Amino acid sequence: MFAVSVGNLVLWVLIVRGMHDPSDAYVAQQLWLSGIFAAACAFRSVLPRVDLERQCLWDSPLSSIFVGRSVATVAELCFAAQCALLVLKLSTLTGNSFLHVVGWLIVPLILVAQVCCWFAVISLNHLGHAIEEILWPVMVCLVAVGLWLSWGHMTTGIRLLSGVGMVACAGAVLLMLAVDAPCT
């Protein structure tokens, strides 16, 4: 996990350094959010822990459940914000007002998921994690719907990327519902 995290951070730095037009607000927001997400994942790969069982690999104040869950919360909200920005961008490109509403629903949905996760961590009750693990696939489905509804407005090259995105969304939903949700 650590090697992948370092690779992600190196790749992020290379992308930022290779940017030709850093003035594009959408691109800048996506880059900052992805950088925070990648850094948080790297932190968590160095100091892994299991929240409900109160286990951590290293005896360090940074390994505390509170610190780890806080970092995870920030990372997951950044990821949700990236997804929301994408759907809002698709709404702008297509003029689809439904996508605009969907884009604005994504972050609050994941905020509720984070509250449920914190409830589970604090109370040691797995119900919070079960609810969280249902809300994440809902968010991913919303992103897939955004890609699908904007399909007709895309160029051929972007359609290929969008198709890969929809397949990735389907795979993520299946994984979360088949593995993550039943394990909680």
N, C-alpha and C. Protein backbone atom coordinates (compact mmCIF):
# COMPACT_ATOMS: atom_id res chain seq x y z
N MET A 1 0.83 -1.19 0.00
CA MET A 1 0.00 0.00 0.00
C MET A 1 0.87 1.25 0.00
N PHE A 2 1.96 1.18 0.75
CA PHE A 2 2.83 2.34 0.82
C PHE A 2 3.43 2.66 -0.55
N ALA A 3 3.89 1.62 -1.27
CA ALA A 3 4.49 1.84 -2.59
C ALA A 3 3.48 2.45 -3.57
N VAL A 4 2.26 1.96 -3.53
CA VAL A 4 1.22 2.52 -4.40
C VAL A 4 0.94 3.97 -4.03
N SER A 5 0.91 4.26 -2.73
CA SER A 5 0.67 5.64 -2.27
C SER A 5 1.78 6.57 -2.72
N VAL A 6 3.03 6.13 -2.60
CA VAL A 6 4.15 6.95 -3.06
C VAL A 6 4.05 7.16 -4.58
N GLY A 7 3.71 6.10 -5.29
CA GLY A 7 3.53 6.23 -6.74
C GLY A 7 2.44 7.22 -7.09
N ASN A 8 1.34 7.19 -6.36
CA ASN A 8 0.25 8.14 -6.60
C ASN A 8 0.70 9.58 -6.35
N LEU A 9 1.45 9.78 -5.28
CA LEU A 9 1.94 11.14 -4.98
C LEU A 9 2.92 11.63 -6.03
N VAL A 10 3.82 10.75 -6.49
CA VAL A 10 4.77 11.12 -7.54
C VAL A 10 4.01 11.45 -8.82
N LEU A 11 3.06 10.63 -9.18
CA LEU A 11 2.25 10.88 -10.37
C LEU A 11 1.51 12.20 -10.25
N TRP A 12 0.95 12.49 -9.08
CA TRP A 12 0.24 13.76 -8.87
C TRP A 12 1.18 14.93 -9.09
N VAL A 13 2.39 14.87 -8.54
CA VAL A 13 3.37 15.96 -8.70
C VAL A 13 3.73 16.13 -10.18
N LEU A 14 3.93 15.03 -10.88
CA LEU A 14 4.26 15.11 -12.30
C LEU A 14 3.13 15.75 -13.11
N ILE A 15 1.90 15.41 -12.77
CA ILE A 15 0.75 16.00 -13.47
C ILE A 15 0.68 17.50 -13.20
N VAL A 16 0.87 17.89 -11.95
CA VAL A 16 0.82 19.32 -11.60
C VAL A 16 1.93 20.08 -12.31
N ARG A 17 3.10 19.51 -12.33
CA ARG A 17 4.23 20.19 -12.98
C ARG A 17 4.05 20.27 -14.50
N GLY A 18 3.31 19.32 -15.07
CA GLY A 18 3.11 19.30 -16.51
C GLY A 18 1.92 20.09 -17.00
N MET A 19 1.21 20.73 -16.07
CA MET A 19 0.02 21.50 -16.46
C MET A 19 0.42 22.69 -17.34
N HIS A 20 -0.34 22.89 -18.40
CA HIS A 20 -0.08 24.02 -19.30
C HIS A 20 -0.94 25.23 -18.96
N ASP A 21 -2.14 24.98 -18.44
CA ASP A 21 -3.04 26.09 -18.13
C ASP A 21 -3.57 25.94 -16.70
N PRO A 22 -2.78 26.38 -15.71
CA PRO A 22 -3.22 26.23 -14.33
C PRO A 22 -4.34 27.20 -13.94
N SER A 23 -4.78 28.04 -14.87
CA SER A 23 -5.81 29.02 -14.55
C SER A 23 -7.22 28.44 -14.65
N ASP A 24 -7.38 27.26 -15.22
CA ASP A 24 -8.70 26.62 -15.32
C ASP A 24 -9.15 26.22 -13.92
N ALA A 25 -10.21 26.87 -13.42
CA ALA A 25 -10.65 26.65 -12.04
C ALA A 25 -11.07 25.20 -11.79
N TYR A 26 -11.75 24.60 -12.77
CA TYR A 26 -12.20 23.22 -12.61
C TYR A 26 -10.99 22.29 -12.42
N VAL A 27 -10.00 22.44 -13.28
CA VAL A 27 -8.81 21.59 -13.21
C VAL A 27 -8.06 21.84 -11.90
N ALA A 28 -7.93 23.09 -11.51
CA ALA A 28 -7.24 23.41 -10.26
C ALA A 28 -7.95 22.79 -9.06
N GLN A 29 -9.27 22.87 -9.03
CA GLN A 29 -10.03 22.28 -7.92
C GLN A 29 -9.85 20.76 -7.89
N GLN A 30 -9.94 20.14 -9.07
CA GLN A 30 -9.77 18.69 -9.14
C GLN A 30 -8.37 18.29 -8.67
N LEU A 31 -7.36 19.07 -9.07
CA LEU A 31 -6.00 18.74 -8.66
C LEU A 31 -5.80 18.87 -7.15
N TRP A 32 -6.29 19.94 -6.57
CA TRP A 32 -6.14 20.11 -5.12
C TRP A 32 -6.87 19.00 -4.36
N LEU A 33 -8.08 18.70 -4.77
CA LEU A 33 -8.84 17.65 -4.10
C LEU A 33 -8.16 16.30 -4.25
N SER A 34 -7.64 16.01 -5.44
CA SER A 34 -6.96 14.73 -5.65
C SER A 34 -5.65 14.68 -4.88
N GLY A 35 -4.97 15.80 -4.74
CA GLY A 35 -3.74 15.84 -3.96
C GLY A 35 -3.98 15.56 -2.50
N ILE A 36 -5.02 16.16 -1.95
CA ILE A 36 -5.38 15.91 -0.55
C ILE A 36 -5.76 14.45 -0.37
N PHE A 37 -6.54 13.91 -1.30
CA PHE A 37 -6.95 12.51 -1.23
C PHE A 37 -5.73 11.59 -1.27
N ALA A 38 -4.82 11.83 -2.22
CA ALA A 38 -3.63 10.98 -2.35
C ALA A 38 -2.74 11.08 -1.10
N ALA A 39 -2.59 12.28 -0.56
CA ALA A 39 -1.77 12.45 0.65
C ALA A 39 -2.41 11.74 1.84
N ALA A 40 -3.71 11.84 1.97
CA ALA A 40 -4.40 11.17 3.08
C ALA A 40 -4.27 9.65 2.95
N CYS A 41 -4.39 9.14 1.74
CA CYS A 41 -4.24 7.70 1.53
C CYS A 41 -2.81 7.26 1.86
N ALA A 42 -1.82 8.09 1.51
CA ALA A 42 -0.43 7.76 1.84
C ALA A 42 -0.25 7.73 3.35
N PHE A 43 -0.81 8.71 4.04
CA PHE A 43 -0.74 8.76 5.51
C PHE A 43 -1.33 7.48 6.10
N ARG A 44 -2.49 7.10 5.59
CA ARG A 44 -3.17 5.92 6.12
C ARG A 44 -2.43 4.63 5.79
N SER A 45 -1.66 4.62 4.70
CA SER A 45 -0.88 3.42 4.36
C SER A 45 0.32 3.27 5.28
N VAL A 46 0.84 4.37 5.80
CA VAL A 46 1.97 4.32 6.71
C VAL A 46 1.50 3.97 8.12
N LEU A 47 0.34 4.49 8.50
CA LEU A 47 -0.19 4.28 9.86
C LEU A 47 -1.56 3.60 9.80
N PRO A 48 -1.60 2.34 9.36
CA PRO A 48 -2.90 1.66 9.24
C PRO A 48 -3.49 1.34 10.61
N ARG A 49 -4.81 1.30 10.65
CA ARG A 49 -5.51 0.94 11.87
C ARG A 49 -6.88 0.37 11.52
N VAL A 50 -7.48 -0.32 12.49
CA VAL A 50 -8.82 -0.87 12.35
C VAL A 50 -9.65 -0.18 13.42
N ASP A 51 -10.61 0.62 12.99
CA ASP A 51 -11.33 1.51 13.91
C ASP A 51 -12.10 0.79 14.99
N LEU A 52 -13.06 -0.06 14.62
CA LEU A 52 -13.94 -0.65 15.63
C LEU A 52 -13.22 -1.59 16.59
N GLU A 53 -12.19 -2.25 16.09
CA GLU A 53 -11.43 -3.16 16.94
C GLU A 53 -10.37 -2.42 17.75
N ARG A 54 -10.21 -1.12 17.46
CA ARG A 54 -9.25 -0.27 18.17
C ARG A 54 -7.83 -0.82 18.07
N GLN A 55 -7.46 -1.25 16.86
CA GLN A 55 -6.13 -1.79 16.62
C GLN A 55 -5.37 -0.89 15.67
N CYS A 56 -4.07 -0.71 15.95
CA CYS A 56 -3.21 0.03 15.03
C CYS A 56 -1.87 -0.68 14.95
N LEU A 57 -1.17 -0.49 13.86
CA LEU A 57 0.09 -1.17 13.63
C LEU A 57 1.22 -0.54 14.44
N TRP A 58 1.22 0.77 14.56
CA TRP A 58 2.30 1.48 15.24
C TRP A 58 1.77 2.19 16.48
N ASP A 59 2.56 2.16 17.55
CA ASP A 59 2.20 2.85 18.78
C ASP A 59 2.67 4.29 18.67
N SER A 60 1.80 5.12 18.13
CA SER A 60 2.13 6.53 17.89
C SER A 60 0.85 7.34 18.07
N PRO A 61 0.98 8.58 18.55
CA PRO A 61 -0.21 9.43 18.65
C PRO A 61 -0.90 9.64 17.29
N LEU A 62 -0.12 9.60 16.21
CA LEU A 62 -0.70 9.75 14.87
C LEU A 62 -1.47 8.50 14.43
N SER A 63 -1.27 7.39 15.14
CA SER A 63 -1.99 6.16 14.83
C SER A 63 -3.32 6.07 15.55
N SER A 64 -3.67 7.09 16.31
CA SER A 64 -4.92 7.02 17.06
C SER A 64 -6.12 6.89 16.13
N ILE A 65 -7.13 6.27 16.64
CA ILE A 65 -8.36 6.09 15.86
C ILE A 65 -8.93 7.44 15.46
N PHE A 66 -8.88 8.40 16.38
CA PHE A 66 -9.42 9.74 16.08
C PHE A 66 -8.67 10.39 14.92
N VAL A 67 -7.35 10.36 14.95
CA VAL A 67 -6.56 10.98 13.88
C VAL A 67 -6.80 10.25 12.56
N GLY A 68 -6.73 8.92 12.60
CA GLY A 68 -6.93 8.15 11.38
C GLY A 68 -8.30 8.35 10.77
N ARG A 69 -9.34 8.35 11.60
CA ARG A 69 -10.70 8.55 11.08
C ARG A 69 -10.87 9.97 10.57
N SER A 70 -10.24 10.94 11.22
CA SER A 70 -10.31 12.34 10.76
C SER A 70 -9.68 12.48 9.38
N VAL A 71 -8.50 11.88 9.20
CA VAL A 71 -7.82 11.93 7.91
C VAL A 71 -8.68 11.23 6.85
N ALA A 72 -9.25 10.09 7.20
CA ALA A 72 -10.10 9.36 6.25
C ALA A 72 -11.33 10.18 5.88
N THR A 73 -11.91 10.87 6.85
CA THR A 73 -13.09 11.69 6.58
C THR A 73 -12.75 12.80 5.58
N VAL A 74 -11.63 13.48 5.81
CA VAL A 74 -11.21 14.54 4.88
C VAL A 74 -11.00 13.96 3.48
N ALA A 75 -10.31 12.82 3.40
CA ALA A 75 -10.03 12.20 2.11
C ALA A 75 -11.33 11.82 1.39
N GLU A 76 -12.26 11.22 2.10
CA GLU A 76 -13.49 10.76 1.48
C GLU A 76 -14.38 11.92 1.05
N LEU A 77 -14.36 13.00 1.82
CA LEU A 77 -15.11 14.19 1.40
C LEU A 77 -14.46 14.85 0.18
N CYS A 78 -13.14 14.81 0.11
CA CYS A 78 -12.46 15.33 -1.09
C CYS A 78 -12.82 14.51 -2.32
N PHE A 79 -12.85 13.19 -2.18
CA PHE A 79 -13.22 12.32 -3.30
C PHE A 79 -14.66 12.61 -3.74
N ALA A 80 -15.55 12.76 -2.77
CA ALA A 80 -16.95 13.07 -3.09
C ALA A 80 -17.04 14.41 -3.80
N ALA A 81 -16.26 15.38 -3.35
CA ALA A 81 -16.26 16.70 -4.00
C ALA A 81 -15.76 16.59 -5.44
N GLN A 82 -14.76 15.74 -5.67
CA GLN A 82 -14.29 15.53 -7.05
C GLN A 82 -15.41 14.97 -7.92
N CYS A 83 -16.12 13.99 -7.39
CA CYS A 83 -17.24 13.39 -8.15
C CYS A 83 -18.33 14.43 -8.40
N ALA A 84 -18.62 15.24 -7.39
CA ALA A 84 -19.64 16.28 -7.54
C ALA A 84 -19.22 17.29 -8.60
N LEU A 85 -17.95 17.70 -8.59
CA LEU A 85 -17.46 18.65 -9.60
C LEU A 85 -17.60 18.07 -11.00
N LEU A 86 -17.30 16.78 -11.15
CA LEU A 86 -17.44 16.13 -12.46
C LEU A 86 -18.88 16.18 -12.93
N VAL A 87 -19.81 15.80 -12.07
CA VAL A 87 -21.23 15.78 -12.47
C VAL A 87 -21.72 17.20 -12.75
N LEU A 88 -21.29 18.16 -11.96
CA LEU A 88 -21.67 19.57 -12.22
C LEU A 88 -21.08 20.05 -13.55
N LYS A 89 -19.88 19.62 -13.87
CA LYS A 89 -19.26 19.98 -15.16
C LYS A 89 -20.07 19.35 -16.31
N LEU A 90 -20.48 18.11 -16.12
CA LEU A 90 -21.31 17.45 -17.14
C LEU A 90 -22.65 18.17 -17.30
N SER A 91 -23.20 18.65 -16.20
CA SER A 91 -24.44 19.42 -16.25
C SER A 91 -24.26 20.69 -17.07
N THR A 92 -23.15 21.37 -16.83
CA THR A 92 -22.86 22.60 -17.58
C THR A 92 -22.67 22.31 -19.06
N LEU A 93 -21.95 21.24 -19.37
CA LEU A 93 -21.67 20.91 -20.77
C LEU A 93 -22.93 20.48 -21.52
N THR A 94 -23.86 19.83 -20.83
CA THR A 94 -25.05 19.30 -21.50
C THR A 94 -26.28 20.19 -21.33
N GLY A 95 -26.24 21.08 -20.35
CA GLY A 95 -27.42 21.88 -20.05
C GLY A 95 -28.49 21.09 -19.33
N ASN A 96 -28.13 19.95 -18.78
CA ASN A 96 -29.08 19.07 -18.11
C ASN A 96 -29.24 19.52 -16.66
N SER A 97 -30.40 20.05 -16.31
CA SER A 97 -30.64 20.56 -14.96
C SER A 97 -30.74 19.43 -13.94
N PHE A 98 -31.16 18.24 -14.35
CA PHE A 98 -31.20 17.10 -13.44
C PHE A 98 -29.80 16.78 -12.93
N LEU A 99 -28.82 16.83 -13.83
CA LEU A 99 -27.43 16.57 -13.43
C LEU A 99 -26.94 17.63 -12.45
N HIS A 100 -27.42 18.85 -12.59
CA HIS A 100 -27.05 19.91 -11.66
C HIS A 100 -27.51 19.55 -10.25
N VAL A 101 -28.73 19.06 -10.14
CA VAL A 101 -29.26 18.65 -8.85
C VAL A 101 -28.46 17.46 -8.30
N VAL A 102 -28.18 16.49 -9.16
CA VAL A 102 -27.40 15.32 -8.75
C VAL A 102 -26.03 15.75 -8.23
N GLY A 103 -25.38 16.66 -8.95
CA GLY A 103 -24.07 17.14 -8.52
C GLY A 103 -24.08 17.74 -7.13
N TRP A 104 -25.14 18.48 -6.84
CA TRP A 104 -25.25 19.11 -5.52
C TRP A 104 -25.66 18.14 -4.42
N LEU A 105 -26.13 16.94 -4.78
CA LEU A 105 -26.52 15.93 -3.78
C LEU A 105 -25.34 15.08 -3.30
N ILE A 106 -24.30 15.00 -4.09
CA ILE A 106 -23.23 14.04 -3.82
C ILE A 106 -22.50 14.31 -2.51
N VAL A 107 -22.04 15.52 -2.29
CA VAL A 107 -21.27 15.80 -1.06
C VAL A 107 -22.15 15.65 0.19
N PRO A 108 -23.38 16.18 0.21
CA PRO A 108 -24.20 15.95 1.40
C PRO A 108 -24.46 14.46 1.67
N LEU A 109 -24.63 13.68 0.61
CA LEU A 109 -24.84 12.24 0.77
C LEU A 109 -23.64 11.60 1.47
N ILE A 110 -22.44 11.96 1.04
CA ILE A 110 -21.24 11.38 1.64
C ILE A 110 -20.96 11.99 3.01
N LEU A 111 -21.41 13.20 3.23
CA LEU A 111 -21.32 13.78 4.58
C LEU A 111 -22.17 12.95 5.56
N VAL A 112 -23.35 12.55 5.13
CA VAL A 112 -24.19 11.67 5.96
C VAL A 112 -23.47 10.33 6.18
N ALA A 113 -22.84 9.82 5.13
CA ALA A 113 -22.09 8.56 5.27
C ALA A 113 -20.98 8.71 6.30
N GLN A 114 -20.31 9.85 6.31
CA GLN A 114 -19.23 10.08 7.27
C GLN A 114 -19.77 10.19 8.70
N VAL A 115 -20.91 10.84 8.85
CA VAL A 115 -21.53 10.92 10.18
C VAL A 115 -21.87 9.50 10.66
N CYS A 116 -22.40 8.68 9.79
CA CYS A 116 -22.72 7.29 10.15
C CYS A 116 -21.45 6.53 10.53
N CYS A 117 -20.39 6.75 9.79
CA CYS A 117 -19.12 6.09 10.09
C CYS A 117 -18.60 6.52 11.46
N TRP A 118 -18.63 7.82 11.72
CA TRP A 118 -18.20 8.32 13.03
C TRP A 118 -19.07 7.74 14.15
N PHE A 119 -20.37 7.64 13.90
CA PHE A 119 -21.26 7.01 14.89
C PHE A 119 -20.79 5.59 15.19
N ALA A 120 -20.46 4.84 14.13
CA ALA A 120 -20.01 3.46 14.32
C ALA A 120 -18.71 3.41 15.11
N VAL A 121 -17.79 4.29 14.77
CA VAL A 121 -16.50 4.30 15.45
C VAL A 121 -16.65 4.67 16.92
N ILE A 122 -17.46 5.67 17.20
CA ILE A 122 -17.62 6.13 18.59
C ILE A 122 -18.44 5.14 19.41
N SER A 123 -19.51 4.61 18.83
CA SER A 123 -20.41 3.73 19.59
C SER A 123 -20.04 2.25 19.51
N LEU A 124 -19.12 1.90 18.60
CA LEU A 124 -18.75 0.50 18.33
C LEU A 124 -19.94 -0.30 17.80
N ASN A 125 -20.86 0.39 17.14
CA ASN A 125 -22.06 -0.22 16.57
C ASN A 125 -21.88 -0.29 15.05
N HIS A 126 -21.90 -1.49 14.51
CA HIS A 126 -21.67 -1.68 13.07
C HIS A 126 -22.80 -1.14 12.19
N LEU A 127 -23.93 -0.80 12.76
CA LEU A 127 -25.03 -0.27 11.96
C LEU A 127 -24.60 0.98 11.20
N GLY A 128 -23.81 1.83 11.82
CA GLY A 128 -23.32 3.03 11.15
C GLY A 128 -22.50 2.70 9.92
N HIS A 129 -21.65 1.68 10.03
CA HIS A 129 -20.86 1.28 8.87
C HIS A 129 -21.75 0.66 7.79
N ALA A 130 -22.77 -0.07 8.19
CA ALA A 130 -23.68 -0.67 7.21
C ALA A 130 -24.37 0.42 6.40
N ILE A 131 -24.83 1.47 7.08
CA ILE A 131 -25.50 2.57 6.37
C ILE A 131 -24.50 3.27 5.46
N GLU A 132 -23.28 3.51 5.97
CA GLU A 132 -22.25 4.14 5.14
C GLU A 132 -21.99 3.32 3.88
N GLU A 133 -21.90 2.00 4.05
CA GLU A 133 -21.59 1.13 2.91
C GLU A 133 -22.74 1.03 1.90
N ILE A 134 -23.90 1.48 2.26
CA ILE A 134 -25.01 1.57 1.31
C ILE A 134 -24.99 2.93 0.61
N LEU A 135 -24.60 3.98 1.32
CA LEU A 135 -24.60 5.32 0.74
C LEU A 135 -23.51 5.49 -0.32
N TRP A 136 -22.36 4.86 -0.14
CA TRP A 136 -21.30 4.98 -1.15
C TRP A 136 -21.73 4.43 -2.51
N PRO A 137 -22.32 3.24 -2.60
CA PRO A 137 -22.78 2.78 -3.92
C PRO A 137 -23.84 3.69 -4.53
N VAL A 138 -24.67 4.31 -3.70
CA VAL A 138 -25.66 5.27 -4.22
C VAL A 138 -24.93 6.42 -4.89
N MET A 139 -23.88 6.93 -4.24
CA MET A 139 -23.11 8.03 -4.83
C MET A 139 -22.47 7.61 -6.15
N VAL A 140 -21.89 6.42 -6.18
CA VAL A 140 -21.25 5.95 -7.40
C VAL A 140 -22.28 5.79 -8.52
N CYS A 141 -23.47 5.32 -8.18
CA CYS A 141 -24.54 5.21 -9.18
C CYS A 141 -24.92 6.59 -9.72
N LEU A 142 -24.93 7.58 -8.86
CA LEU A 142 -25.24 8.95 -9.31
C LEU A 142 -24.19 9.44 -10.31
N VAL A 143 -22.93 9.13 -10.06
CA VAL A 143 -21.88 9.50 -11.01
C VAL A 143 -22.08 8.76 -12.33
N ALA A 144 -22.39 7.48 -12.25
CA ALA A 144 -22.62 6.69 -13.48
C ALA A 144 -23.80 7.24 -14.27
N VAL A 145 -24.86 7.63 -13.58
CA VAL A 145 -26.01 8.24 -14.25
C VAL A 145 -25.60 9.53 -14.95
N GLY A 146 -24.75 10.31 -14.28
CA GLY A 146 -24.25 11.54 -14.90
C GLY A 146 -23.48 11.26 -16.18
N LEU A 147 -22.63 10.25 -16.15
CA LEU A 147 -21.87 9.88 -17.35
C LEU A 147 -22.81 9.39 -18.45
N TRP A 148 -23.79 8.60 -18.08
CA TRP A 148 -24.72 8.05 -19.06
C TRP A 148 -25.58 9.14 -19.70
N LEU A 149 -26.12 10.03 -18.88
CA LEU A 149 -26.99 11.09 -19.41
C LEU A 149 -26.25 12.10 -20.28
N SER A 150 -24.95 12.19 -20.12
CA SER A 150 -24.19 13.14 -20.93
C SER A 150 -23.51 12.47 -22.12
N TRP A 151 -23.69 11.19 -22.28
CA TRP A 151 -23.05 10.39 -23.33
C TRP A 151 -23.23 11.00 -24.72
N GLY A 152 -24.43 11.40 -25.06
CA GLY A 152 -24.71 11.92 -26.39
C GLY A 152 -24.06 13.26 -26.68
N HIS A 153 -23.57 13.95 -25.67
CA HIS A 153 -22.96 15.26 -25.85
C HIS A 153 -21.43 15.19 -25.92
N MET A 154 -20.88 13.99 -25.90
CA MET A 154 -19.43 13.83 -25.83
C MET A 154 -18.83 13.51 -27.19
N THR A 155 -17.57 13.90 -27.36
CA THR A 155 -16.83 13.50 -28.56
C THR A 155 -16.46 12.03 -28.43
N THR A 156 -16.01 11.44 -29.51
CA THR A 156 -15.70 10.01 -29.53
C THR A 156 -14.66 9.64 -28.48
N GLY A 157 -13.60 10.41 -28.37
CA GLY A 157 -12.55 10.10 -27.40
C GLY A 157 -13.05 10.18 -25.97
N ILE A 158 -13.86 11.18 -25.70
CA ILE A 158 -14.41 11.34 -24.36
C ILE A 158 -15.44 10.26 -24.07
N ARG A 159 -16.16 9.82 -25.10
CA ARG A 159 -17.10 8.71 -24.90
C ARG A 159 -16.39 7.45 -24.45
N LEU A 160 -15.19 7.22 -24.98
CA LEU A 160 -14.42 6.05 -24.57
C LEU A 160 -14.08 6.16 -23.08
N LEU A 161 -13.60 7.31 -22.65
CA LEU A 161 -13.30 7.52 -21.23
C LEU A 161 -14.55 7.40 -20.37
N SER A 162 -15.64 7.94 -20.86
CA SER A 162 -16.90 7.87 -20.13
C SER A 162 -17.36 6.41 -20.00
N GLY A 163 -17.21 5.65 -21.07
CA GLY A 163 -17.56 4.23 -21.03
C GLY A 163 -16.73 3.48 -20.00
N VAL A 164 -15.44 3.76 -19.98
CA VAL A 164 -14.56 3.15 -18.97
C VAL A 164 -15.03 3.57 -17.58
N GLY A 165 -15.40 4.84 -17.43
CA GLY A 165 -15.90 5.33 -16.15
C GLY A 165 -17.17 4.61 -15.71
N MET A 166 -18.09 4.38 -16.65
CA MET A 166 -19.32 3.68 -16.29
C MET A 166 -19.05 2.23 -15.90
N VAL A 167 -18.12 1.58 -16.60
CA VAL A 167 -17.75 0.20 -16.24
C VAL A 167 -17.10 0.19 -14.86
N ALA A 168 -16.23 1.17 -14.60
CA ALA A 168 -15.58 1.27 -13.28
C ALA A 168 -16.62 1.51 -12.19
N CYS A 169 -17.59 2.35 -12.47
CA CYS A 169 -18.66 2.59 -11.50
C CYS A 169 -19.43 1.31 -11.21
N ALA A 170 -19.77 0.56 -12.26
CA ALA A 170 -20.50 -0.69 -12.08
C ALA A 170 -19.67 -1.67 -11.24
N GLY A 171 -18.39 -1.78 -11.54
CA GLY A 171 -17.51 -2.66 -10.77
C GLY A 171 -17.41 -2.23 -9.32
N ALA A 172 -17.30 -0.93 -9.09
CA ALA A 172 -17.20 -0.41 -7.71
C ALA A 172 -18.48 -0.71 -6.93
N VAL A 173 -19.62 -0.49 -7.57
CA VAL A 173 -20.90 -0.76 -6.89
C VAL A 173 -21.01 -2.25 -6.56
N LEU A 174 -20.67 -3.10 -7.51
CA LEU A 174 -20.73 -4.54 -7.25
C LEU A 174 -19.80 -4.93 -6.11
N LEU A 175 -18.60 -4.41 -6.11
CA LEU A 175 -17.64 -4.70 -5.04
C LEU A 175 -18.15 -4.25 -3.68
N MET A 176 -18.66 -3.02 -3.63
CA MET A 176 -19.14 -2.49 -2.35
C MET A 176 -20.34 -3.27 -1.83
N LEU A 177 -21.26 -3.62 -2.73
CA LEU A 177 -22.46 -4.33 -2.29
C LEU A 177 -22.19 -5.82 -2.00
N ALA A 178 -21.25 -6.41 -2.74
CA ALA A 178 -20.97 -7.83 -2.55
C ALA A 178 -19.95 -8.10 -1.45
N VAL A 179 -19.03 -7.15 -1.22
CA VAL A 179 -17.96 -7.40 -0.25
C VAL A 179 -18.06 -6.49 0.96
N ASP A 180 -18.07 -5.17 0.72
CA ASP A 180 -18.01 -4.22 1.84
C ASP A 180 -19.27 -4.25 2.70
N ALA A 181 -20.42 -4.12 2.09
CA ALA A 181 -21.67 -4.05 2.87
C ALA A 181 -21.92 -5.33 3.68
N PRO A 182 -21.76 -6.52 3.10
CA PRO A 182 -22.00 -7.73 3.90
C PRO A 182 -20.98 -7.93 5.03
N CYS A 183 -19.81 -7.36 4.91
CA CYS A 183 -18.77 -7.55 5.93
C CYS A 183 -18.98 -6.65 7.15
N THR A 184 -19.91 -5.69 7.05
CA THR A 184 -20.10 -4.79 8.19
C THR A 184 -21.01 -5.35 9.23
